[in-house]
Amino acid sequence: MILPEQSRNLSSESNIQETLKGLAKICKSIKTLRLKFCNNNNNPEAIELIEAQRNLNEVIFTCLTTNDESFCKILEESLIKHEDNKHSGHP
């Protein structure tokens, strides 16, 4: 699915895990990713989506109210790894 430049927004309030998993498989050129988590569920699919990107420049999380420190650590490591790979030229 290709969206016009001005409307590259996707919203999903139901079954977000499956949506993120599907996006990780088909979308590799996301530049800005905005994710809203409003519960204590960790979302490993969000990490999959971040790691699948080649051009990701900005990640914005809103309403991140999780008490799951292990998920936060994995998320942090994923973002650092993505940034390191971006600068080293690795996919």
Protein backbone atom coordinates (compact mmCIF):
# COMPACT_ATOMS: atom_id res chain seq x y z
CA MET A 1 0.00 0.00 0.00
CA ILE A 2 1.48 3.36 -1.01
CA LEU A 3 0.00 6.45 0.54
CA PRO A 4 0.37 10.04 -0.69
CA GLU A 5 3.20 11.91 1.02
CA GLN A 6 0.87 14.06 3.12
CA SER A 7 -1.18 11.15 4.46
CA ARG A 8 1.23 8.44 5.54
CA ASN A 9 -0.57 7.80 8.79
CA LEU A 10 -1.98 4.53 10.00
CA SER A 11 -4.18 4.05 13.00
CA SER A 12 -5.15 0.75 14.51
CA GLU A 13 -6.94 0.34 17.81
CA SER A 14 -7.77 -3.32 17.51
CA ASN A 15 -5.29 -6.16 17.35
CA ILE A 16 -2.32 -3.82 17.17
CA GLN A 17 0.10 -6.71 17.59
CA GLU A 18 -0.95 -8.27 14.29
CA THR A 19 -0.89 -4.87 12.58
CA LEU A 20 2.67 -4.16 13.76
CA LYS A 21 3.80 -7.67 12.84
CA GLY A 22 2.38 -7.26 9.33
CA LEU A 23 3.97 -3.83 8.92
CA ALA A 24 7.35 -5.23 9.98
CA LYS A 25 7.12 -7.72 7.12
CA ILE A 26 6.09 -5.30 4.36
CA CYS A 27 7.33 -1.83 5.38
CA LYS A 28 11.07 -1.25 5.38
CA SER A 29 11.31 2.47 4.63
CA ILE A 30 9.42 4.17 7.44
CA LYS A 31 11.13 7.46 8.31
CA THR A 32 9.05 8.54 11.32
CA LEU A 33 7.30 6.12 13.62
CA ARG A 34 4.79 7.29 16.22
CA LEU A 35 3.48 4.66 18.58
CA LYS A 36 0.97 5.11 21.34
CA PHE A 37 0.90 2.55 24.13
CA CYS A 38 -1.72 3.17 26.78
CA ASN A 39 -1.56 0.01 28.81
CA ASN A 40 0.90 -2.24 30.52
CA ASN A 41 1.20 -4.67 27.63
CA ASN A 42 4.62 -4.89 26.12
CA ASN A 43 4.68 -4.98 22.35
CA PRO A 44 7.55 -7.02 20.94
CA GLU A 45 5.98 -6.42 17.54
CA ALA A 46 6.89 -2.73 17.88
CA ILE A 47 10.51 -3.78 18.32
CA GLU A 48 10.25 -5.99 15.22
CA LEU A 49 8.90 -3.01 13.26
CA ILE A 50 11.74 -0.74 14.43
CA GLU A 51 14.40 -3.33 13.63
CA ALA A 52 12.98 -3.91 10.14
CA GLN A 53 13.44 -0.29 9.08
CA ARG A 54 16.24 1.02 6.87
CA ASN A 55 15.43 4.76 6.93
CA LEU A 56 14.02 5.31 10.39
CA ASN A 57 15.06 8.75 11.64
CA GLU A 58 12.54 9.49 14.36
CA VAL A 59 10.64 7.37 16.86
CA ILE A 60 8.02 8.95 19.08
CA PHE A 61 6.29 7.11 21.91
CA THR A 62 3.32 8.62 23.67
CA CYS A 63 1.46 7.48 26.73
CA LEU A 64 4.07 4.81 27.49
CA THR A 65 2.77 3.62 30.85
CA THR A 66 4.41 0.29 31.29
CA ASN A 67 5.91 -1.14 34.41
CA ASP A 68 7.66 -3.83 32.41
CA GLU A 69 11.31 -2.84 32.82
CA SER A 70 12.50 -5.73 30.67
CA PHE A 71 10.42 -4.47 27.72
CA CYS A 72 11.75 -0.94 28.20
CA LYS A 73 15.33 -2.28 28.23
CA ILE A 74 14.73 -4.35 25.07
CA LEU A 75 13.16 -1.31 23.41
CA GLU A 76 16.12 0.85 24.39
CA GLU A 77 18.60 -1.72 23.07
CA SER A 78 16.66 -2.04 19.83
CA LEU A 79 16.78 1.71 19.23
CA ILE A 80 20.51 1.85 20.00
CA LYS A 81 21.18 -1.11 17.70
CA HIS A 82 19.15 0.50 14.93
CA GLU A 83 21.08 3.76 15.27
CA ASP A 84 24.44 1.97 15.32
CA ASN A 85 23.52 -0.05 12.22
CA LYS A 86 22.34 3.08 10.43
CA HIS A 87 25.69 4.77 10.94
CA SER A 88 27.76 1.71 10.11
CA GLY A 89 25.92 1.03 6.85
CA HIS A 90 24.49 -2.33 7.94
CA PRO A 91 20.80 -3.09 7.28
